[in-house]
Amino acid sequence: MGLKLDDKNIRVACILCLGCPLCHIHNCTCGKRVDQSGSHGLSCRMGFGRHSRHDHINRLIKQALGSAEITSRLEPTGTSKLDKKRPDGISYYPYKNGRCLAWDYTCPDTLAISHVKKSTSKEAGKAASLAEDKKFRKYRHLNNDYYVVPVAIETLGSYGPNALDFIKDVGRRIKESTGEKRATSYLMQAIGIAIQRGNSQCILGTVKDSRKMDEIYYL
């Protein structure tokens, strides 16, 4: 099921949850300063881990839909005649209320300073909820033709309300299709592990190639 993490990924995941120092202070490849928490990498625009995490989880969603006998496509073109905006994936056949599914995944950083000050320090999943609201506004022009579902899951694992309902619904459909009673649990585990792998890649990717990891990180 792909749920195994190597030692380095486990250490990064544990340190992030515990809030322990992860690294020496250094400059990221983007030029910004990285403090001892190492959390800058989770939201760094130049972090390659963000893209791999995004692609991996969208593939997991597509695979899960396939297990529920729902044919879908990633990175669709031509979904909107008004602009070039497109969701991460769509289904080929009606998903709910007579409309095809259109989903868009995002992973807001729980530890970003802007989120901690305004929301995540007070309410679990608040950053994900706000991100889903933004996605709804972004794709409101698709509502007439598609059942739009924003899927926001934070870097520390909290789900937005729409993401949680969607994943549970897909898990239920897999159960009905395959008889696997633990389908929802398996899907959420796979997504959680993918996020942890992506987090590790984002954080470790802040170091320039010319420097060794053991010079920077306490791993």
N, C-alpha and C. Protein backbone atom coordinates (compact mmCIF):
# COMPACT_ATOMS: atom_id res chain seq x y z
N MET A 1 0.81 -1.22 0.00
CA MET A 1 0.00 0.00 0.00
C MET A 1 0.85 1.27 0.00
N GLY A 2 2.16 1.12 0.05
CA GLY A 2 3.02 2.29 0.01
C GLY A 2 2.99 3.12 1.28
N LEU A 3 2.76 2.48 2.43
CA LEU A 3 2.64 3.23 3.68
C LEU A 3 3.94 3.26 4.49
N LYS A 4 5.02 2.72 3.96
CA LYS A 4 6.28 2.71 4.70
C LYS A 4 7.07 4.00 4.43
N LEU A 5 7.61 4.58 5.50
CA LEU A 5 8.48 5.75 5.40
C LEU A 5 9.90 5.35 5.76
N ASP A 6 10.88 5.96 5.10
CA ASP A 6 12.27 5.69 5.51
C ASP A 6 12.58 6.48 6.77
N ASP A 7 13.73 6.21 7.36
CA ASP A 7 14.08 6.81 8.65
C ASP A 7 14.09 8.33 8.61
N LYS A 8 14.61 8.89 7.52
CA LYS A 8 14.72 10.34 7.42
C LYS A 8 13.34 10.99 7.40
N ASN A 9 12.41 10.43 6.64
CA ASN A 9 11.06 10.97 6.58
C ASN A 9 10.35 10.88 7.92
N ILE A 10 10.57 9.77 8.64
CA ILE A 10 9.94 9.60 9.96
C ILE A 10 10.47 10.65 10.93
N ARG A 11 11.77 10.87 10.90
CA ARG A 11 12.37 11.86 11.81
C ARG A 11 11.83 13.26 11.54
N VAL A 12 11.74 13.63 10.26
CA VAL A 12 11.21 14.95 9.91
C VAL A 12 9.77 15.08 10.38
N ALA A 13 8.95 14.04 10.14
CA ALA A 13 7.54 14.08 10.54
C ALA A 13 7.40 14.24 12.05
N CYS A 14 8.20 13.48 12.83
CA CYS A 14 8.12 13.56 14.29
C CYS A 14 8.58 14.92 14.80
N ILE A 15 9.67 15.44 14.23
CA ILE A 15 10.20 16.73 14.68
C ILE A 15 9.21 17.85 14.40
N LEU A 16 8.53 17.80 13.24
CA LEU A 16 7.54 18.82 12.91
C LEU A 16 6.38 18.80 13.90
N CYS A 17 5.93 17.61 14.26
CA CYS A 17 4.80 17.50 15.20
C CYS A 17 5.19 17.93 16.60
N LEU A 18 6.45 17.66 17.00
CA LEU A 18 6.90 17.98 18.35
C LEU A 18 7.40 19.42 18.48
N GLY A 19 7.72 20.04 17.34
CA GLY A 19 8.23 21.41 17.39
C GLY A 19 9.67 21.51 17.84
N CYS A 20 10.44 20.44 17.66
CA CYS A 20 11.84 20.44 18.07
C CYS A 20 12.71 21.10 16.99
N PRO A 21 13.92 21.57 17.37
CA PRO A 21 14.84 22.10 16.36
C PRO A 21 15.19 21.01 15.35
N LEU A 22 15.17 21.36 14.09
CA LEU A 22 15.40 20.39 13.02
C LEU A 22 16.74 20.61 12.32
N CYS A 23 17.21 21.87 12.31
CA CYS A 23 18.40 22.16 11.51
C CYS A 23 19.13 23.38 12.06
N HIS A 24 20.32 23.63 11.52
CA HIS A 24 21.02 24.87 11.78
C HIS A 24 20.39 25.97 10.93
N ILE A 25 20.51 27.20 11.38
CA ILE A 25 20.02 28.33 10.58
C ILE A 25 20.83 28.42 9.29
N HIS A 26 20.15 28.54 8.17
CA HIS A 26 20.84 28.62 6.88
C HIS A 26 19.96 29.35 5.87
N ASN A 27 20.51 29.62 4.72
CA ASN A 27 19.75 30.27 3.66
C ASN A 27 19.19 29.23 2.71
N CYS A 28 17.92 29.39 2.37
CA CYS A 28 17.26 28.49 1.43
C CYS A 28 17.77 28.74 0.02
N THR A 29 17.52 27.82 -0.87
CA THR A 29 17.89 28.00 -2.27
C THR A 29 17.19 29.20 -2.89
N CYS A 30 16.08 29.63 -2.29
CA CYS A 30 15.35 30.80 -2.80
C CYS A 30 15.96 32.10 -2.27
N GLY A 31 16.89 31.99 -1.30
CA GLY A 31 17.55 33.16 -0.76
C GLY A 31 17.04 33.59 0.61
N LYS A 32 15.89 33.06 1.05
CA LYS A 32 15.33 33.44 2.34
C LYS A 32 15.98 32.65 3.48
N ARG A 33 15.89 33.20 4.67
CA ARG A 33 16.51 32.58 5.85
C ARG A 33 15.63 31.46 6.39
N VAL A 34 16.24 30.34 6.70
CA VAL A 34 15.54 29.18 7.28
C VAL A 34 15.94 29.08 8.74
N ASP A 35 14.96 29.14 9.65
CA ASP A 35 15.28 29.05 11.07
C ASP A 35 15.43 27.59 11.50
N GLN A 36 15.62 27.37 12.80
CA GLN A 36 15.91 26.03 13.30
C GLN A 36 14.75 25.05 13.13
N SER A 37 13.54 25.55 12.97
CA SER A 37 12.39 24.66 12.77
C SER A 37 12.39 24.03 11.38
N GLY A 38 13.05 24.70 10.42
CA GLY A 38 13.09 24.19 9.05
C GLY A 38 11.79 24.32 8.29
N SER A 39 10.78 24.92 8.91
CA SER A 39 9.44 24.92 8.33
C SER A 39 9.28 25.81 7.10
N HIS A 40 10.26 26.68 6.85
CA HIS A 40 10.18 27.53 5.65
C HIS A 40 9.97 26.70 4.39
N GLY A 41 10.62 25.55 4.33
CA GLY A 41 10.54 24.71 3.15
C GLY A 41 9.14 24.24 2.81
N LEU A 42 8.26 24.18 3.82
CA LEU A 42 6.89 23.70 3.58
C LEU A 42 6.09 24.61 2.68
N SER A 43 6.45 25.90 2.67
CA SER A 43 5.70 26.85 1.85
C SER A 43 6.57 27.59 0.83
N CYS A 44 7.83 27.19 0.72
CA CYS A 44 8.74 27.84 -0.22
C CYS A 44 8.27 27.64 -1.66
N ARG A 45 8.17 28.71 -2.40
CA ARG A 45 7.68 28.64 -3.78
C ARG A 45 8.61 27.86 -4.69
N MET A 46 9.87 27.78 -4.32
CA MET A 46 10.84 27.06 -5.15
C MET A 46 11.04 25.62 -4.72
N GLY A 47 10.28 25.19 -3.70
CA GLY A 47 10.45 23.83 -3.20
C GLY A 47 9.90 22.78 -4.16
N PHE A 48 10.77 21.89 -4.63
CA PHE A 48 10.33 20.87 -5.58
C PHE A 48 9.40 19.86 -4.93
N GLY A 49 9.49 19.72 -3.61
CA GLY A 49 8.64 18.76 -2.92
C GLY A 49 7.17 19.10 -2.99
N ARG A 50 6.84 20.39 -3.10
CA ARG A 50 5.44 20.80 -3.18
C ARG A 50 4.77 20.24 -4.43
N HIS A 51 5.50 20.25 -5.53
CA HIS A 51 4.94 19.77 -6.79
C HIS A 51 4.78 18.25 -6.79
N SER A 52 5.78 17.54 -6.27
CA SER A 52 5.68 16.08 -6.22
C SER A 52 4.57 15.64 -5.28
N ARG A 53 4.41 16.35 -4.15
CA ARG A 53 3.32 16.04 -3.21
C ARG A 53 1.97 16.27 -3.88
N HIS A 54 1.83 17.38 -4.58
CA HIS A 54 0.59 17.72 -5.27
C HIS A 54 0.23 16.65 -6.29
N ASP A 55 1.21 16.26 -7.11
CA ASP A 55 0.96 15.27 -8.16
C ASP A 55 0.63 13.90 -7.56
N HIS A 56 1.36 13.52 -6.50
CA HIS A 56 1.15 12.21 -5.88
C HIS A 56 -0.26 12.08 -5.32
N ILE A 57 -0.72 13.09 -4.61
CA ILE A 57 -2.05 13.00 -3.99
C ILE A 57 -3.14 13.05 -5.05
N ASN A 58 -2.96 13.81 -6.11
CA ASN A 58 -3.95 13.78 -7.19
C ASN A 58 -4.01 12.41 -7.86
N ARG A 59 -2.88 11.76 -7.97
CA ARG A 59 -2.88 10.39 -8.52
C ARG A 59 -3.59 9.43 -7.57
N LEU A 60 -3.40 9.62 -6.26
CA LEU A 60 -4.11 8.78 -5.29
C LEU A 60 -5.62 8.96 -5.39
N ILE A 61 -6.06 10.21 -5.57
CA ILE A 61 -7.49 10.48 -5.72
C ILE A 61 -8.03 9.83 -6.98
N LYS A 62 -7.29 9.96 -8.08
CA LYS A 62 -7.72 9.34 -9.34
C LYS A 62 -7.78 7.83 -9.20
N GLN A 63 -6.78 7.24 -8.55
CA GLN A 63 -6.76 5.79 -8.35
C GLN A 63 -7.93 5.35 -7.49
N ALA A 64 -8.23 6.14 -6.45
CA ALA A 64 -9.34 5.80 -5.56
C ALA A 64 -10.67 5.87 -6.32
N LEU A 65 -10.82 6.88 -7.15
CA LEU A 65 -12.04 6.98 -7.96
C LEU A 65 -12.16 5.78 -8.89
N GLY A 66 -11.03 5.35 -9.44
CA GLY A 66 -11.04 4.17 -10.31
C GLY A 66 -11.48 2.93 -9.56
N SER A 67 -11.04 2.80 -8.30
CA SER A 67 -11.46 1.66 -7.48
C SER A 67 -12.95 1.69 -7.20
N ALA A 68 -13.52 2.91 -7.23
CA ALA A 68 -14.97 3.06 -7.04
C ALA A 68 -15.71 3.02 -8.38
N GLU A 69 -15.00 2.63 -9.44
CA GLU A 69 -15.56 2.51 -10.79
C GLU A 69 -16.03 3.86 -11.33
N ILE A 70 -15.26 4.90 -11.02
CA ILE A 70 -15.53 6.23 -11.54
C ILE A 70 -14.34 6.64 -12.40
N THR A 71 -14.54 6.72 -13.69
CA THR A 71 -13.47 7.08 -14.61
C THR A 71 -13.20 8.57 -14.53
N SER A 72 -11.91 8.93 -14.41
CA SER A 72 -11.56 10.34 -14.27
C SER A 72 -10.30 10.66 -15.06
N ARG A 73 -10.01 11.94 -15.13
CA ARG A 73 -8.84 12.41 -15.88
C ARG A 73 -8.16 13.53 -15.11
N LEU A 74 -6.83 13.52 -15.10
CA LEU A 74 -6.06 14.58 -14.45
C LEU A 74 -5.73 15.69 -15.44
N GLU A 75 -5.58 16.90 -14.91
CA GLU A 75 -5.21 18.08 -15.69
C GLU A 75 -6.04 18.21 -16.96
N PRO A 76 -7.36 18.28 -16.86
CA PRO A 76 -8.21 18.38 -18.05
C PRO A 76 -8.09 19.74 -18.72
N THR A 77 -8.29 19.76 -20.02
CA THR A 77 -8.30 21.02 -20.77
C THR A 77 -9.71 21.28 -21.27
N GLY A 78 -10.01 22.54 -21.51
CA GLY A 78 -11.30 22.90 -22.08
C GLY A 78 -12.46 22.85 -21.12
N THR A 79 -12.19 22.90 -19.81
CA THR A 79 -13.30 22.87 -18.84
C THR A 79 -14.02 24.21 -18.76
N SER A 80 -13.34 25.27 -19.14
CA SER A 80 -13.96 26.60 -19.07
C SER A 80 -13.71 27.37 -20.36
N LYS A 81 -14.76 27.97 -20.89
CA LYS A 81 -14.65 28.80 -22.08
C LYS A 81 -14.28 30.24 -21.72
N LEU A 82 -14.37 30.58 -20.42
CA LEU A 82 -14.14 31.96 -20.00
C LEU A 82 -12.67 32.25 -19.76
N ASP A 83 -11.92 31.29 -19.26
CA ASP A 83 -10.51 31.50 -18.97
C ASP A 83 -9.77 30.16 -19.07
N LYS A 84 -8.49 30.18 -18.76
CA LYS A 84 -7.67 28.98 -18.87
C LYS A 84 -7.55 28.23 -17.54
N LYS A 85 -8.30 28.65 -16.52
CA LYS A 85 -8.25 27.96 -15.24
C LYS A 85 -8.83 26.56 -15.38
N ARG A 86 -8.17 25.61 -14.78
CA ARG A 86 -8.67 24.23 -14.84
C ARG A 86 -8.42 23.53 -13.51
N PRO A 87 -9.34 22.69 -13.10
CA PRO A 87 -9.17 21.93 -11.85
C PRO A 87 -8.12 20.84 -12.04
N ASP A 88 -7.77 20.17 -10.95
CA ASP A 88 -6.76 19.11 -11.03
C ASP A 88 -7.30 17.86 -11.70
N GLY A 89 -8.61 17.64 -11.63
CA GLY A 89 -9.17 16.45 -12.26
C GLY A 89 -10.68 16.54 -12.41
N ILE A 90 -11.20 15.76 -13.34
CA ILE A 90 -12.65 15.68 -13.55
C ILE A 90 -13.04 14.22 -13.79
N SER A 91 -14.30 13.91 -13.54
CA SER A 91 -14.82 12.58 -13.88
C SER A 91 -15.48 12.67 -15.25
N TYR A 92 -15.54 11.54 -15.95
CA TYR A 92 -16.14 11.53 -17.28
C TYR A 92 -17.65 11.37 -17.23
N TYR A 93 -18.15 10.84 -16.11
CA TYR A 93 -19.58 10.59 -15.99
C TYR A 93 -20.10 11.28 -14.72
N PRO A 94 -21.40 11.54 -14.66
CA PRO A 94 -21.96 12.25 -13.49
C PRO A 94 -21.56 11.60 -12.17
N TYR A 95 -21.18 12.45 -11.23
CA TYR A 95 -20.75 11.98 -9.91
C TYR A 95 -21.83 12.23 -8.86
N LYS A 96 -22.47 13.39 -8.94
CA LYS A 96 -23.49 13.74 -7.96
C LYS A 96 -24.39 14.83 -8.54
N ASN A 97 -25.66 14.73 -8.23
CA ASN A 97 -26.65 15.72 -8.68
C ASN A 97 -26.65 15.90 -10.20
N GLY A 98 -26.34 14.82 -10.90
CA GLY A 98 -26.36 14.86 -12.36
C GLY A 98 -25.19 15.57 -12.99
N ARG A 99 -24.18 15.93 -12.21
CA ARG A 99 -23.03 16.66 -12.73
C ARG A 99 -21.75 15.85 -12.55
N CYS A 100 -20.82 16.04 -13.48
CA CYS A 100 -19.51 15.39 -13.36
C CYS A 100 -18.72 16.06 -12.24
N LEU A 101 -17.81 15.30 -11.67
CA LEU A 101 -16.97 15.79 -10.59
C LEU A 101 -15.83 16.64 -11.14
N ALA A 102 -15.51 17.72 -10.45
CA ALA A 102 -14.30 18.50 -10.72
C ALA A 102 -13.65 18.78 -9.37
N TRP A 103 -12.44 18.24 -9.16
CA TRP A 103 -11.78 18.46 -7.87
C TRP A 103 -10.48 19.23 -8.06
N ASP A 104 -10.07 19.91 -7.02
CA ASP A 104 -8.81 20.66 -7.05
C ASP A 104 -8.16 20.55 -5.68
N TYR A 105 -6.96 20.03 -5.65
CA TYR A 105 -6.27 19.76 -4.39
C TYR A 105 -5.29 20.87 -4.04
N THR A 106 -5.18 21.18 -2.76
CA THR A 106 -4.18 22.13 -2.28
C THR A 106 -3.73 21.72 -0.89
N CYS A 107 -2.51 22.10 -0.52
CA CYS A 107 -1.94 21.71 0.77
C CYS A 107 -1.41 22.96 1.49
N PRO A 108 -2.29 23.72 2.16
CA PRO A 108 -1.83 24.90 2.89
C PRO A 108 -0.91 24.52 4.05
N ASP A 109 0.06 25.38 4.31
CA ASP A 109 1.05 25.10 5.35
C ASP A 109 0.51 25.49 6.72
N THR A 110 0.31 24.50 7.58
CA THR A 110 -0.19 24.74 8.94
C THR A 110 0.72 25.69 9.71
N LEU A 111 2.03 25.61 9.46
CA LEU A 111 3.01 26.35 10.24
C LEU A 111 3.41 27.69 9.63
N ALA A 112 2.81 28.07 8.51
CA ALA A 112 3.12 29.37 7.92
C ALA A 112 2.76 30.47 8.91
N ILE A 113 3.60 31.48 9.02
CA ILE A 113 3.39 32.54 10.00
C ILE A 113 2.03 33.20 9.85
N SER A 114 1.63 33.45 8.61
CA SER A 114 0.34 34.10 8.38
C SER A 114 -0.82 33.24 8.86
N HIS A 115 -0.70 31.90 8.74
CA HIS A 115 -1.76 31.01 9.19
C HIS A 115 -1.75 30.85 10.70
N VAL A 116 -0.55 30.77 11.30
CA VAL A 116 -0.46 30.59 12.74
C VAL A 116 -1.05 31.79 13.48
N LYS A 117 -0.75 32.99 13.01
CA LYS A 117 -1.23 34.21 13.67
C LYS A 117 -2.75 34.35 13.60
N LYS A 118 -3.32 33.94 12.45
CA LYS A 118 -4.73 34.21 12.22
C LYS A 118 -5.66 33.02 12.52
N SER A 119 -5.15 31.81 12.37
CA SER A 119 -6.10 30.70 12.40
C SER A 119 -5.62 29.40 13.01
N THR A 120 -4.51 28.84 12.50
CA THR A 120 -4.18 27.46 12.86
C THR A 120 -3.79 27.28 14.33
N SER A 121 -3.37 28.36 15.00
CA SER A 121 -3.04 28.25 16.41
C SER A 121 -4.29 28.20 17.28
N LYS A 122 -5.44 28.53 16.69
CA LYS A 122 -6.69 28.59 17.45
C LYS A 122 -7.67 27.48 17.07
N GLU A 123 -7.61 27.04 15.83
CA GLU A 123 -8.60 26.07 15.36
C GLU A 123 -7.97 25.10 14.35
N ALA A 124 -8.00 23.83 14.66
CA ALA A 124 -7.45 22.82 13.75
C ALA A 124 -8.21 22.81 12.43
N GLY A 125 -7.46 22.81 11.32
CA GLY A 125 -8.09 22.74 10.01
C GLY A 125 -8.58 24.07 9.48
N LYS A 126 -8.34 25.16 10.20
CA LYS A 126 -8.84 26.46 9.75
C LYS A 126 -8.19 26.91 8.46
N ALA A 127 -6.89 26.70 8.32
CA ALA A 127 -6.20 27.07 7.09
C ALA A 127 -6.75 26.29 5.90
N ALA A 128 -7.06 25.02 6.12
CA ALA A 128 -7.62 24.19 5.05
C ALA A 128 -9.02 24.70 4.67
N SER A 129 -9.80 25.06 5.67
CA SER A 129 -11.15 25.57 5.41
C SER A 129 -11.11 26.87 4.60
N LEU A 130 -10.19 27.77 4.95
CA LEU A 130 -10.05 29.02 4.21
C LEU A 130 -9.58 28.77 2.78
N ALA A 131 -8.68 27.78 2.62
CA ALA A 131 -8.18 27.44 1.28
C ALA A 131 -9.30 26.90 0.41
N GLU A 132 -10.20 26.12 1.02
CA GLU A 132 -11.33 25.58 0.24
C GLU A 132 -12.27 26.71 -0.20
N ASP A 133 -12.48 27.69 0.66
CA ASP A 133 -13.32 28.83 0.27
C ASP A 133 -12.73 29.56 -0.94
N LYS A 134 -11.40 29.70 -0.96
CA LYS A 134 -10.75 30.35 -2.09
C LYS A 134 -10.92 29.53 -3.37
N LYS A 135 -10.84 28.21 -3.25
CA LYS A 135 -11.02 27.34 -4.41
C LYS A 135 -12.44 27.44 -4.96
N PHE A 136 -13.43 27.51 -4.06
CA PHE A 136 -14.81 27.66 -4.50
C PHE A 136 -14.99 28.95 -5.30
N ARG A 137 -14.37 30.03 -4.83
CA ARG A 137 -14.47 31.29 -5.57
C ARG A 137 -13.75 31.21 -6.91
N LYS A 138 -12.62 30.53 -6.91
CA LYS A 138 -11.83 30.41 -8.14
C LYS A 138 -12.58 29.66 -9.24
N TYR A 139 -13.33 28.62 -8.84
CA TYR A 139 -14.00 27.76 -9.83
C TYR A 139 -15.52 27.91 -9.82
N ARG A 140 -16.00 29.03 -9.35
CA ARG A 140 -17.45 29.21 -9.29
C ARG A 140 -18.10 29.19 -10.67
N HIS A 141 -17.32 29.53 -11.71
CA HIS A 141 -17.87 29.53 -13.06
C HIS A 141 -18.12 28.10 -13.58
N LEU A 142 -17.62 27.09 -12.86
CA LEU A 142 -17.82 25.70 -13.28
C LEU A 142 -19.04 25.05 -12.63
N ASN A 143 -19.68 25.76 -11.69
CA ASN A 143 -20.76 25.15 -10.90
C ASN A 143 -21.95 24.69 -11.72
N ASN A 144 -22.20 25.34 -12.82
CA ASN A 144 -23.36 24.95 -13.64
C ASN A 144 -23.15 23.61 -14.33
N ASP A 145 -21.90 23.28 -14.63
CA ASP A 145 -21.60 22.07 -15.39
C ASP A 145 -20.96 20.96 -14.56
N TYR A 146 -20.32 21.32 -13.43
CA TYR A 146 -19.58 20.34 -12.65
C TYR A 146 -19.96 20.41 -11.17
N TYR A 147 -19.77 19.29 -10.48
CA TYR A 147 -19.89 19.23 -9.03
C TYR A 147 -18.49 19.52 -8.50
N VAL A 148 -18.25 20.76 -8.11
CA VAL A 148 -16.91 21.22 -7.75
C VAL A 148 -16.60 20.87 -6.29
N VAL A 149 -15.44 20.23 -6.09
CA VAL A 149 -15.01 19.85 -4.74
C VAL A 149 -13.57 20.31 -4.53
N PRO A 150 -13.36 21.31 -3.66
CA PRO A 150 -11.99 21.66 -3.27
C PRO A 150 -11.50 20.68 -2.22
N VAL A 151 -10.27 20.20 -2.39
CA VAL A 151 -9.71 19.22 -1.45
C VAL A 151 -8.48 19.85 -0.80
N ALA A 152 -8.67 20.41 0.40
CA ALA A 152 -7.57 21.07 1.11
C ALA A 152 -7.19 20.25 2.34
N ILE A 153 -5.93 19.85 2.39
CA ILE A 153 -5.41 19.09 3.53
C ILE A 153 -4.10 19.75 3.95
N GLU A 154 -4.00 20.18 5.18
CA GLU A 154 -2.83 20.93 5.65
C GLU A 154 -1.59 20.06 5.76
N THR A 155 -0.44 20.72 5.84
CA THR A 155 0.83 19.99 5.93
C THR A 155 0.94 19.13 7.18
N LEU A 156 0.24 19.52 8.26
CA LEU A 156 0.25 18.69 9.47
C LEU A 156 -0.96 17.78 9.56
N GLY A 157 -1.70 17.64 8.44
CA GLY A 157 -2.70 16.58 8.36
C GLY A 157 -4.15 16.95 8.55
N SER A 158 -4.45 18.17 8.97
CA SER A 158 -5.86 18.55 9.20
C SER A 158 -6.58 18.72 7.86
N TYR A 159 -7.80 18.16 7.80
CA TYR A 159 -8.62 18.23 6.59
C TYR A 159 -9.55 19.43 6.63
N GLY A 160 -9.81 20.01 5.47
CA GLY A 160 -10.89 20.96 5.34
C GLY A 160 -12.21 20.19 5.33
N PRO A 161 -13.34 20.83 5.64
CA PRO A 161 -14.62 20.11 5.72
C PRO A 161 -15.03 19.45 4.40
N ASN A 162 -14.79 20.11 3.28
CA ASN A 162 -15.16 19.53 1.98
C ASN A 162 -14.25 18.36 1.62
N ALA A 163 -12.97 18.51 1.95
CA ALA A 163 -12.03 17.41 1.68
C ALA A 163 -12.41 16.16 2.47
N LEU A 164 -12.76 16.34 3.74
CA LEU A 164 -13.11 15.20 4.58
C LEU A 164 -14.37 14.51 4.08
N ASP A 165 -15.37 15.29 3.72
CA ASP A 165 -16.62 14.71 3.20
C ASP A 165 -16.37 13.97 1.89
N PHE A 166 -15.52 14.55 1.05
CA PHE A 166 -15.24 13.95 -0.26
C PHE A 166 -14.49 12.62 -0.11
N ILE A 167 -13.44 12.61 0.70
CA ILE A 167 -12.65 11.40 0.88
C ILE A 167 -13.49 10.29 1.51
N LYS A 168 -14.34 10.66 2.46
CA LYS A 168 -15.22 9.66 3.08
C LYS A 168 -16.22 9.12 2.06
N ASP A 169 -16.71 9.99 1.19
CA ASP A 169 -17.67 9.55 0.17
C ASP A 169 -17.01 8.61 -0.83
N VAL A 170 -15.80 8.95 -1.25
CA VAL A 170 -15.07 8.07 -2.17
C VAL A 170 -14.80 6.73 -1.50
N GLY A 171 -14.40 6.75 -0.22
CA GLY A 171 -14.17 5.51 0.51
C GLY A 171 -15.42 4.66 0.59
N ARG A 172 -16.57 5.32 0.81
CA ARG A 172 -17.84 4.59 0.87
C ARG A 172 -18.15 3.95 -0.47
N ARG A 173 -17.89 4.67 -1.55
CA ARG A 173 -18.16 4.12 -2.88
C ARG A 173 -17.23 2.95 -3.20
N ILE A 174 -15.98 3.03 -2.74
CA ILE A 174 -15.06 1.90 -2.93
C ILE A 174 -15.56 0.69 -2.16
N LYS A 175 -16.03 0.91 -0.94
CA LYS A 175 -16.58 -0.18 -0.14
C LYS A 175 -17.75 -0.84 -0.85
N GLU A 176 -18.64 -0.04 -1.42
CA GLU A 176 -19.80 -0.59 -2.13
C GLU A 176 -19.37 -1.36 -3.37
N SER A 177 -18.29 -0.89 -4.01
CA SER A 177 -17.84 -1.52 -5.25
C SER A 177 -17.01 -2.78 -5.02
N THR A 178 -16.17 -2.76 -3.97
CA THR A 178 -15.23 -3.86 -3.76
C THR A 178 -15.53 -4.71 -2.53
N GLY A 179 -16.34 -4.18 -1.62
CA GLY A 179 -16.61 -4.90 -0.38
C GLY A 179 -15.56 -4.68 0.70
N GLU A 180 -14.54 -3.85 0.42
CA GLU A 180 -13.50 -3.58 1.40
C GLU A 180 -14.00 -2.59 2.45
N LYS A 181 -14.21 -3.07 3.67
CA LYS A 181 -14.80 -2.25 4.72
C LYS A 181 -13.86 -1.15 5.21
N ARG A 182 -12.55 -1.34 5.00
CA ARG A 182 -11.57 -0.37 5.51
C ARG A 182 -11.08 0.57 4.42
N ALA A 183 -11.83 0.70 3.35
CA ALA A 183 -11.39 1.49 2.20
C ALA A 183 -11.10 2.94 2.58
N THR A 184 -11.99 3.55 3.36
CA THR A 184 -11.79 4.95 3.74
C THR A 184 -10.53 5.11 4.57
N SER A 185 -10.32 4.20 5.52
CA SER A 185 -9.13 4.26 6.36
C SER A 185 -7.86 4.11 5.54
N TYR A 186 -7.86 3.16 4.60
CA TYR A 186 -6.68 2.95 3.75
C TYR A 186 -6.39 4.20 2.91
N LEU A 187 -7.44 4.81 2.35
CA LEU A 187 -7.25 5.98 1.51
C LEU A 187 -6.68 7.15 2.32
N MET A 188 -7.21 7.37 3.52
CA MET A 188 -6.72 8.47 4.35
C MET A 188 -5.28 8.21 4.82
N GLN A 189 -4.94 6.95 5.07
CA GLN A 189 -3.57 6.62 5.44
C GLN A 189 -2.61 6.91 4.29
N ALA A 190 -3.00 6.50 3.09
CA ALA A 190 -2.16 6.73 1.91
C ALA A 190 -1.93 8.21 1.67
N ILE A 191 -2.99 9.01 1.82
CA ILE A 191 -2.86 10.46 1.64
C ILE A 191 -1.96 11.05 2.73
N GLY A 192 -2.15 10.61 3.97
CA GLY A 192 -1.34 11.12 5.07
C GLY A 192 0.14 10.84 4.88
N ILE A 193 0.47 9.63 4.43
CA ILE A 193 1.87 9.28 4.20
C ILE A 193 2.44 10.09 3.04
N ALA A 194 1.64 10.31 1.99
CA ALA A 194 2.10 11.11 0.85
C ALA A 194 2.42 12.54 1.29
N ILE A 195 1.61 13.09 2.18
CA ILE A 195 1.86 14.44 2.67
C ILE A 195 3.16 14.47 3.48
N GLN A 196 3.40 13.46 4.31
CA GLN A 196 4.63 13.43 5.11
C GLN A 196 5.87 13.30 4.22
N ARG A 197 5.77 12.49 3.16
CA ARG A 197 6.90 12.39 2.24
C ARG A 197 7.15 13.73 1.56
N GLY A 198 6.07 14.39 1.15
CA GLY A 198 6.20 15.69 0.51
C GLY A 198 6.79 16.73 1.45
N ASN A 199 6.35 16.71 2.71
CA ASN A 199 6.90 17.64 3.70
C ASN A 199 8.42 17.47 3.82
N SER A 200 8.85 16.22 3.90
CA SER A 200 10.28 15.93 4.05
C SER A 200 11.05 16.43 2.84
N GLN A 201 10.53 16.21 1.65
CA GLN A 201 11.20 16.67 0.44
C GLN A 201 11.28 18.19 0.41
N CYS A 202 10.20 18.85 0.83
CA CYS A 202 10.18 20.32 0.85
C CYS A 202 11.25 20.87 1.79
N ILE A 203 11.33 20.29 2.98
CA ILE A 203 12.26 20.80 3.99
C ILE A 203 13.71 20.51 3.61
N LEU A 204 13.99 19.29 3.21
CA LEU A 204 15.36 18.93 2.85
C LEU A 204 15.81 19.62 1.56
N GLY A 205 14.85 20.05 0.76
CA GLY A 205 15.17 20.72 -0.51
C GLY A 205 15.62 22.16 -0.35
N THR A 206 15.64 22.67 0.88
CA THR A 206 16.09 24.06 1.08
C THR A 206 17.61 24.18 1.03
N VAL A 207 18.31 23.05 1.06
CA VAL A 207 19.77 23.06 1.08
C VAL A 207 20.32 23.00 -0.33
N LYS A 208 21.30 23.83 -0.61
CA LYS A 208 21.94 23.81 -1.93
C LYS A 208 22.72 22.52 -2.12
N ASP A 209 22.84 22.10 -3.37
CA ASP A 209 23.49 20.83 -3.69
C ASP A 209 24.92 20.76 -3.18
N SER A 210 25.58 21.90 -3.07
CA SER A 210 26.99 21.91 -2.70
C SER A 210 27.21 21.63 -1.21
N ARG A 211 26.14 21.64 -0.42
CA ARG A 211 26.28 21.40 1.01
C ARG A 211 25.70 20.05 1.39
N LYS A 212 26.35 19.36 2.30
CA LYS A 212 25.89 18.05 2.73
C LYS A 212 24.77 18.19 3.74
N MET A 213 23.81 17.26 3.68
CA MET A 213 22.66 17.29 4.59
C MET A 213 23.10 17.23 6.06
N ASP A 214 24.11 16.41 6.35
CA ASP A 214 24.50 16.24 7.74
C ASP A 214 25.20 17.49 8.30
N GLU A 215 25.54 18.45 7.44
CA GLU A 215 26.09 19.72 7.91
C GLU A 215 24.98 20.65 8.41
N ILE A 216 23.76 20.38 7.98
CA ILE A 216 22.64 21.28 8.27
C ILE A 216 21.62 20.67 9.22
N TYR A 217 21.21 19.42 8.93
CA TYR A 217 20.09 18.80 9.64
C TYR A 217 20.53 17.86 10.75
N TYR A 218 19.76 17.83 11.83
CA TYR A 218 20.02 16.94 12.95
C TYR A 218 19.32 15.60 12.70
N LEU A 219 19.71 14.92 11.64
CA LEU A 219 19.05 13.66 11.27
C LEU A 219 20.01 12.48 11.37
